[in-house]
Amino acid sequence: MDINEFAKVIKDVFDDCDSIVMTPETEFRAIESFDSLTGWSIMSEIQDKFGVEIAVDEFAKFQTVKDIYDFVTNKKA
């Protein structure tokens, strides 16, 4: 999966996904609708779709979609 397809997976977790432009450089925590439930949903979606579990303390370090993508691709390698 390329990074733009990955960004779409993250985008689809947000309730207001139709109004969000999500790129690899997007700081997902800066999106107005981001909250802790969205964070949990992102972690759950990644585990379901990619089989990669992200610990809460690790997820807390991520700022951009690319940060998450890099983590997932490194775990899958």
PDB file of N, CA and C in Angstrom:
ATOM      1  N   MET A   1       0.845  -1.177   0.000  1.00  0.00           N
ATOM      2  CA  MET A   1       0.000   0.000   0.000  1.00  0.00           C
ATOM      3  C   MET A   1       0.886   1.235   0.000  1.00  0.00           C
ATOM      4  N   ASP A   2       0.554   2.173  -0.879  1.00  0.00           N
ATOM      5  CA  ASP A   2       1.352   3.396  -0.884  1.00  0.00           C
ATOM      6  C   ASP A   2       0.825   4.379   0.166  1.00  0.00           C
ATOM      7  N   ILE A   3       1.584   5.401   0.405  1.00  0.00           N
ATOM      8  CA  ILE A   3       1.278   6.328   1.501  1.00  0.00           C
ATOM      9  C   ILE A   3      -0.023   7.101   1.273  1.00  0.00           C
ATOM     10  N   ASN A   4      -0.374   7.370   0.026  1.00  0.00           N
ATOM     11  CA  ASN A   4      -1.622   8.092  -0.235  1.00  0.00           C
ATOM     12  C   ASN A   4      -2.847   7.219   0.047  1.00  0.00           C
ATOM     13  N   GLU A   5      -2.758   5.930  -0.254  1.00  0.00           N
ATOM     14  CA  GLU A   5      -3.839   5.003   0.099  1.00  0.00           C
ATOM     15  C   GLU A   5      -3.940   4.879   1.615  1.00  0.00           C
ATOM     16  N   PHE A   6      -2.785   4.862   2.274  1.00  0.00           N
ATOM     17  CA  PHE A   6      -2.748   4.790   3.732  1.00  0.00           C
ATOM     18  C   PHE A   6      -3.415   6.025   4.335  1.00  0.00           C
ATOM     19  N   ALA A   7      -3.127   7.194   3.770  1.00  0.00           N
ATOM     20  CA  ALA A   7      -3.731   8.438   4.258  1.00  0.00           C
ATOM     21  C   ALA A   7      -5.252   8.378   4.153  1.00  0.00           C
ATOM     22  N   LYS A   8      -5.767   7.741   3.104  1.00  0.00           N
ATOM     23  CA  LYS A   8      -7.215   7.602   2.959  1.00  0.00           C
ATOM     24  C   LYS A   8      -7.793   6.730   4.070  1.00  0.00           C
ATOM     25  N   VAL A   9      -7.076   5.682   4.466  1.00  0.00           N
ATOM     26  CA  VAL A   9      -7.529   4.835   5.568  1.00  0.00           C
ATOM     27  C   VAL A   9      -7.657   5.668   6.843  1.00  0.00           C
ATOM     28  N   ILE A  10      -6.670   6.513   7.108  1.00  0.00           N
ATOM     29  CA  ILE A  10      -6.708   7.382   8.296  1.00  0.00           C
ATOM     30  C   ILE A  10      -7.848   8.383   8.168  1.00  0.00           C
ATOM     31  N   LYS A  11      -7.985   8.977   7.016  1.00  0.00           N
ATOM     32  CA  LYS A  11      -9.038   9.974   6.781  1.00  0.00           C
ATOM     33  C   LYS A  11     -10.419   9.398   7.055  1.00  0.00           C
ATOM     34  N   ASP A  12     -10.650   8.165   6.620  1.00  0.00           N
ATOM     35  CA  ASP A  12     -11.967   7.557   6.756  1.00  0.00           C
ATOM     36  C   ASP A  12     -12.376   7.300   8.203  1.00  0.00           C
ATOM     37  N   VAL A  13     -11.434   7.356   9.121  1.00  0.00           N
ATOM     38  CA  VAL A  13     -11.752   7.176  10.537  1.00  0.00           C
ATOM     39  C   VAL A  13     -12.466   8.398  11.100  1.00  0.00           C
ATOM     40  N   PHE A  14     -12.184   9.562  10.556  1.00  0.00           N
ATOM     41  CA  PHE A  14     -12.766  10.803  11.060  1.00  0.00           C
ATOM     42  C   PHE A  14     -14.243  10.905  10.677  1.00  0.00           C
ATOM     43  N   ASP A  15     -15.068  11.381  11.621  1.00  0.00           N
ATOM     44  CA  ASP A  15     -16.502  11.534  11.368  1.00  0.00           C
ATOM     45  C   ASP A  15     -16.782  12.500  10.223  1.00  0.00           C
ATOM     46  N   ASP A  16     -15.978  13.542  10.126  1.00  0.00           N
ATOM     47  CA  ASP A  16     -16.185  14.565   9.094  1.00  0.00           C
ATOM     48  C   ASP A  16     -15.221  14.365   7.927  1.00  0.00           C
ATOM     49  N   CYS A  17     -14.970  13.116   7.572  1.00  0.00           N
ATOM     50  CA  CYS A  17     -13.930  12.794   6.584  1.00  0.00           C
ATOM     51  C   CYS A  17     -14.160  13.454   5.228  1.00  0.00           C
ATOM     52  N   ASP A  18     -15.411  13.728   4.872  1.00  0.00           N
ATOM     53  CA  ASP A  18     -15.672  14.347   3.567  1.00  0.00           C
ATOM     54  C   ASP A  18     -15.100  15.756   3.463  1.00  0.00           C
ATOM     55  N   SER A  19     -14.938  16.426   4.580  1.00  0.00           N
ATOM     56  CA  SER A  19     -14.445  17.800   4.559  1.00  0.00           C
ATOM     57  C   SER A  19     -12.948  17.909   4.861  1.00  0.00           C
ATOM     58  N   ILE A  20     -12.268  16.772   5.002  1.00  0.00           N
ATOM     59  CA  ILE A  20     -10.856  16.768   5.366  1.00  0.00           C
ATOM     60  C   ILE A  20      -9.985  16.449   4.160  1.00  0.00           C
ATOM     61  N   VAL A  21      -8.916  17.223   4.014  1.00  0.00           N
ATOM     62  CA  VAL A  21      -7.886  16.905   3.026  1.00  0.00           C
ATOM     63  C   VAL A  21      -6.752  16.242   3.805  1.00  0.00           C
ATOM     64  N   MET A  22      -6.501  14.971   3.495  1.00  0.00           N
ATOM     65  CA  MET A  22      -5.504  14.213   4.237  1.00  0.00           C
ATOM     66  C   MET A  22      -4.346  13.870   3.307  1.00  0.00           C
ATOM     67  N   THR A  23      -3.164  14.313   3.675  1.00  0.00           N
ATOM     68  CA  THR A  23      -1.947  14.020   2.924  1.00  0.00           C
ATOM     69  C   THR A  23      -0.942  13.388   3.895  1.00  0.00           C
ATOM     70  N   PRO A  24       0.161  12.874   3.387  1.00  0.00           N
ATOM     71  CA  PRO A  24       1.169  12.323   4.300  1.00  0.00           C
ATOM     72  C   PRO A  24       1.673  13.345   5.319  1.00  0.00           C
ATOM     73  N   GLU A  25       1.667  14.610   4.955  1.00  0.00           N
ATOM     74  CA  GLU A  25       2.179  15.653   5.843  1.00  0.00           C
ATOM     75  C   GLU A  25       1.133  16.196   6.811  1.00  0.00           C
ATOM     76  N   THR A  26      -0.109  15.748   6.685  1.00  0.00           N
ATOM     77  CA  THR A  26      -1.174  16.242   7.555  1.00  0.00           C
ATOM     78  C   THR A  26      -0.868  15.927   9.013  1.00  0.00           C
ATOM     79  N   GLU A  27      -0.956  16.945   9.846  1.00  0.00           N
ATOM     80  CA  GLU A  27      -0.833  16.762  11.291  1.00  0.00           C
ATOM     81  C   GLU A  27      -2.229  16.418  11.801  1.00  0.00           C
ATOM     82  N   PHE A  28      -2.488  15.128  11.905  1.00  0.00           N
ATOM     83  CA  PHE A  28      -3.839  14.649  12.173  1.00  0.00           C
ATOM     84  C   PHE A  28      -4.390  15.129  13.510  1.00  0.00           C
ATOM     85  N   ARG A  29      -3.512  15.379  14.475  1.00  0.00           N
ATOM     86  CA  ARG A  29      -3.979  15.875  15.779  1.00  0.00           C
ATOM     87  C   ARG A  29      -4.494  17.316  15.702  1.00  0.00           C
ATOM     88  N   ALA A  30      -4.096  18.031  14.645  1.00  0.00           N
ATOM     89  CA  ALA A  30      -4.532  19.419  14.478  1.00  0.00           C
ATOM     90  C   ALA A  30      -5.914  19.526  13.828  1.00  0.00           C
ATOM     91  N   ILE A  31      -6.430  18.421  13.333  1.00  0.00           N
ATOM     92  CA  ILE A  31      -7.771  18.426  12.747  1.00  0.00           C
ATOM     93  C   ILE A  31      -8.772  18.658  13.872  1.00  0.00           C
ATOM     94  N   GLU A  32      -9.669  19.591  13.653  1.00  0.00           N
ATOM     95  CA  GLU A  32     -10.587  20.037  14.703  1.00  0.00           C
ATOM     96  C   GLU A  32     -11.364  18.895  15.349  1.00  0.00           C
ATOM     97  N   SER A  33     -11.751  17.911  14.569  1.00  0.00           N
ATOM     98  CA  SER A  33     -12.564  16.821  15.115  1.00  0.00           C
ATOM     99  C   SER A  33     -11.750  15.712  15.779  1.00  0.00           C
ATOM    100  N   PHE A  34     -10.421  15.831  15.796  1.00  0.00           N
ATOM    101  CA  PHE A  34      -9.597  14.801  16.437  1.00  0.00           C
ATOM    102  C   PHE A  34      -9.790  14.853  17.946  1.00  0.00           C
ATOM    103  N   ASP A  35     -10.004  13.675  18.526  1.00  0.00           N
ATOM    104  CA  ASP A  35     -10.060  13.545  19.979  1.00  0.00           C
ATOM    105  C   ASP A  35      -9.525  12.161  20.340  1.00  0.00           C
ATOM    106  N   SER A  36      -9.569  11.818  21.611  1.00  0.00           N
ATOM    107  CA  SER A  36      -8.996  10.540  22.036  1.00  0.00           C
ATOM    108  C   SER A  36      -9.718   9.354  21.405  1.00  0.00           C
ATOM    109  N   LEU A  37     -11.012   9.456  21.187  1.00  0.00           N
ATOM    110  CA  LEU A  37     -11.760   8.376  20.552  1.00  0.00           C
ATOM    111  C   LEU A  37     -11.299   8.174  19.110  1.00  0.00           C
ATOM    112  N   THR A  38     -11.019   9.259  18.426  1.00  0.00           N
ATOM    113  CA  THR A  38     -10.494   9.159  17.060  1.00  0.00           C
ATOM    114  C   THR A  38      -9.133   8.472  17.084  1.00  0.00           C
ATOM    115  N   GLY A  39      -8.305   8.813  18.042  1.00  0.00           N
ATOM    116  CA  GLY A  39      -6.997   8.174  18.177  1.00  0.00           C
ATOM    117  C   GLY A  39      -7.130   6.677  18.376  1.00  0.00           C
ATOM    118  N   TRP A  40      -8.036   6.268  19.260  1.00  0.00           N
ATOM    119  CA  TRP A  40      -8.272   4.836  19.484  1.00  0.00           C
ATOM    120  C   TRP A  40      -8.775   4.178  18.203  1.00  0.00           C
ATOM    121  N   SER A  41      -9.629   4.882  17.478  1.00  0.00           N
ATOM    122  CA  SER A  41     -10.174   4.336  16.231  1.00  0.00           C
ATOM    123  C   SER A  41      -9.076   4.147  15.186  1.00  0.00           C
ATOM    124  N   ILE A  42      -8.156   5.083  15.117  1.00  0.00           N
ATOM    125  CA  ILE A  42      -7.029   4.962  14.175  1.00  0.00           C
ATOM    126  C   ILE A  42      -6.194   3.736  14.535  1.00  0.00           C
ATOM    127  N   MET A  43      -5.866   3.578  15.814  1.00  0.00           N
ATOM    128  CA  MET A  43      -5.071   2.427  16.241  1.00  0.00           C
ATOM    129  C   MET A  43      -5.800   1.117  15.937  1.00  0.00           C
ATOM    130  N   SER A  44      -7.094   1.089  16.161  1.00  0.00           N
ATOM    131  CA  SER A  44      -7.886  -0.112  15.904  1.00  0.00           C
ATOM    132  C   SER A  44      -7.947  -0.423  14.411  1.00  0.00           C
ATOM    133  N   GLU A  45      -8.141   0.588  13.602  1.00  0.00           N
ATOM    134  CA  GLU A  45      -8.207   0.408  12.152  1.00  0.00           C
ATOM    135  C   GLU A  45      -6.880  -0.124  11.605  1.00  0.00           C
ATOM    136  N   ILE A  46      -5.786   0.373  12.123  1.00  0.00           N
ATOM    137  CA  ILE A  46      -4.467  -0.096  11.679  1.00  0.00           C
ATOM    138  C   ILE A  46      -4.262  -1.557  12.072  1.00  0.00           C
ATOM    139  N   GLN A  47      -4.697  -1.904  13.256  1.00  0.00           N
ATOM    140  CA  GLN A  47      -4.567  -3.298  13.666  1.00  0.00           C
ATOM    141  C   GLN A  47      -5.441  -4.200  12.790  1.00  0.00           C
ATOM    142  N   ASP A  48      -6.661  -3.768  12.504  1.00  0.00           N
ATOM    143  CA  ASP A  48      -7.578  -4.572  11.683  1.00  0.00           C
ATOM    144  C   ASP A  48      -7.096  -4.715  10.246  1.00  0.00           C
ATOM    145  N   LYS A  49      -6.672  -3.604   9.647  1.00  0.00           N
ATOM    146  CA  LYS A  49      -6.311  -3.610   8.222  1.00  0.00           C
ATOM    147  C   LYS A  49      -4.904  -4.111   7.948  1.00  0.00           C
ATOM    148  N   PHE A  50      -3.981  -3.843   8.871  1.00  0.00           N
ATOM    149  CA  PHE A  50      -2.574  -4.138   8.601  1.00  0.00           C
ATOM    150  C   PHE A  50      -1.948  -5.144   9.566  1.00  0.00           C
ATOM    151  N   GLY A  51      -2.694  -5.509  10.606  1.00  0.00           N
ATOM    152  CA  GLY A  51      -2.163  -6.478  11.566  1.00  0.00           C
ATOM    153  C   GLY A  51      -1.037  -5.938  12.420  1.00  0.00           C
ATOM    154  N   VAL A  52      -0.984  -4.605  12.566  1.00  0.00           N
ATOM    155  CA  VAL A  52       0.075  -3.971  13.355  1.00  0.00           C
ATOM    156  C   VAL A  52      -0.568  -3.300  14.568  1.00  0.00           C
ATOM    157  N   GLU A  53      -0.098  -3.688  15.739  1.00  0.00           N
ATOM    158  CA  GLU A  53      -0.588  -3.085  16.969  1.00  0.00           C
ATOM    159  C   GLU A  53       0.319  -1.921  17.354  1.00  0.00           C
ATOM    160  N   ILE A  54      -0.302  -0.816  17.721  1.00  0.00           N
ATOM    161  CA  ILE A  54       0.449   0.370  18.147  1.00  0.00           C
ATOM    162  C   ILE A  54       0.115   0.623  19.616  1.00  0.00           C
ATOM    163  N   ALA A  55       1.123   0.654  20.442  1.00  0.00           N
ATOM    164  CA  ALA A  55       0.924   0.963  21.858  1.00  0.00           C
ATOM    165  C   ALA A  55       0.548   2.436  22.002  1.00  0.00           C
ATOM    166  N   VAL A  56      -0.227   2.725  23.030  1.00  0.00           N
ATOM    167  CA  VAL A  56      -0.689   4.093  23.255  1.00  0.00           C
ATOM    168  C   VAL A  56       0.482   5.059  23.391  1.00  0.00           C
ATOM    169  N   ASP A  57       1.515   4.672  24.126  1.00  0.00           N
ATOM    170  CA  ASP A  57       2.654   5.577  24.309  1.00  0.00           C
ATOM    171  C   ASP A  57       3.399   5.809  22.996  1.00  0.00           C
ATOM    172  N   GLU A  58       3.406   4.829  22.114  1.00  0.00           N
ATOM    173  CA  GLU A  58       4.033   4.991  20.798  1.00  0.00           C
ATOM    174  C   GLU A  58       3.171   5.908  19.923  1.00  0.00           C
ATOM    175  N   PHE A  59       1.860   5.677  19.939  1.00  0.00           N
ATOM    176  CA  PHE A  59       0.944   6.490  19.144  1.00  0.00           C
ATOM    177  C   PHE A  59       1.013   7.961  19.557  1.00  0.00           C
ATOM    178  N   ALA A  60       1.229   8.208  20.832  1.00  0.00           N
ATOM    179  CA  ALA A  60       1.298   9.583  21.342  1.00  0.00           C
ATOM    180  C   ALA A  60       2.442  10.374  20.718  1.00  0.00           C
ATOM    181  N   LYS A  61       3.438   9.683  20.196  1.00  0.00           N
ATOM    182  CA  LYS A  61       4.592  10.358  19.580  1.00  0.00           C
ATOM    183  C   LYS A  61       4.304  10.812  18.149  1.00  0.00           C
ATOM    184  N   PHE A  62       3.318  10.217  17.499  1.00  0.00           N
ATOM    185  CA  PHE A  62       3.049  10.512  16.096  1.00  0.00           C
ATOM    186  C   PHE A  62       2.361  11.862  15.939  1.00  0.00           C
ATOM    187  N   GLN A  63       2.803  12.614  14.932  1.00  0.00           N
ATOM    188  CA  GLN A  63       2.192  13.901  14.634  1.00  0.00           C
ATOM    189  C   GLN A  63       1.550  13.928  13.251  1.00  0.00           C
ATOM    190  N   THR A  64       2.184  13.249  12.300  1.00  0.00           N
ATOM    191  CA  THR A  64       1.690  13.286  10.924  1.00  0.00           C
ATOM    192  C   THR A  64       1.263  11.886  10.479  1.00  0.00           C
ATOM    193  N   VAL A  65       0.515  11.857   9.387  1.00  0.00           N
ATOM    194  CA  VAL A  65       0.127  10.584   8.792  1.00  0.00           C
ATOM    195  C   VAL A  65       1.372   9.792   8.410  1.00  0.00           C
ATOM    196  N   LYS A  66       2.391  10.475   7.925  1.00  0.00           N
ATOM    197  CA  LYS A  66       3.639   9.813   7.537  1.00  0.00           C
ATOM    198  C   LYS A  66       4.302   9.130   8.735  1.00  0.00           C
ATOM    199  N   ASP A  67       4.214   9.737   9.904  1.00  0.00           N
ATOM    200  CA  ASP A  67       4.767   9.109  11.110  1.00  0.00           C
ATOM    201  C   ASP A  67       4.130   7.736  11.349  1.00  0.00           C
ATOM    202  N   ILE A  68       2.814   7.665  11.215  1.00  0.00           N
ATOM    203  CA  ILE A  68       2.104   6.404  11.416  1.00  0.00           C
ATOM    204  C   ILE A  68       2.477   5.419  10.306  1.00  0.00           C
ATOM    205  N   TYR A  69       2.477   5.909   9.080  1.00  0.00           N
ATOM    206  CA  TYR A  69       2.815   5.074   7.924  1.00  0.00           C
ATOM    207  C   TYR A  69       4.209   4.455   8.069  1.00  0.00           C
ATOM    208  N   ASP A  70       5.169   5.272   8.449  1.00  0.00           N
ATOM    209  CA  ASP A  70       6.540   4.777   8.627  1.00  0.00           C
ATOM    210  C   ASP A  70       6.594   3.687   9.705  1.00  0.00           C
ATOM    211  N   PHE A  71       5.877   3.894  10.800  1.00  0.00           N
ATOM    212  CA  PHE A  71       5.839   2.903  11.865  1.00  0.00           C
ATOM    213  C   PHE A  71       5.263   1.581  11.358  1.00  0.00           C
ATOM    214  N   VAL A  72       4.131   1.674  10.655  1.00  0.00           N
ATOM    215  CA  VAL A  72       3.462   0.471  10.158  1.00  0.00           C
ATOM    216  C   VAL A  72       4.326  -0.254   9.145  1.00  0.00           C
ATOM    217  N   THR A  73       4.913   0.476   8.202  1.00  0.00           N
ATOM    218  CA  THR A  73       5.727  -0.181   7.179  1.00  0.00           C
ATOM    219  C   THR A  73       6.983  -0.799   7.788  1.00  0.00           C
ATOM    220  N   ASN A  74       7.559  -0.184   8.798  1.00  0.00           N
ATOM    221  CA  ASN A  74       8.721  -0.771   9.479  1.00  0.00           C
ATOM    222  C   ASN A  74       8.343  -2.049  10.215  1.00  0.00           C
ATOM    223  N   LYS A  75       7.168  -2.078  10.807  1.00  0.00           N
ATOM    224  CA  LYS A  75       6.703  -3.281  11.515  1.00  0.00           C
ATOM    225  C   LYS A  75       6.381  -4.405  10.544  1.00  0.00           C
ATOM    226  N   LYS A  76       5.911  -4.048   9.344  1.00  0.00           N
ATOM    227  CA  LYS A  76       5.542  -5.054   8.349  1.00  0.00           C
ATOM    228  C   LYS A  76       6.764  -5.595   7.607  1.00  0.00           C
ATOM    229  N   ALA A  77       7.884  -4.876   7.664  1.00  0.00           N
ATOM    230  CA  ALA A  77       9.084  -5.285   6.911  1.00  0.00           C
ATOM    231  C   ALA A  77       9.756  -6.495   7.511  1.00  0.00           C
TER     232      ALA A  77
END
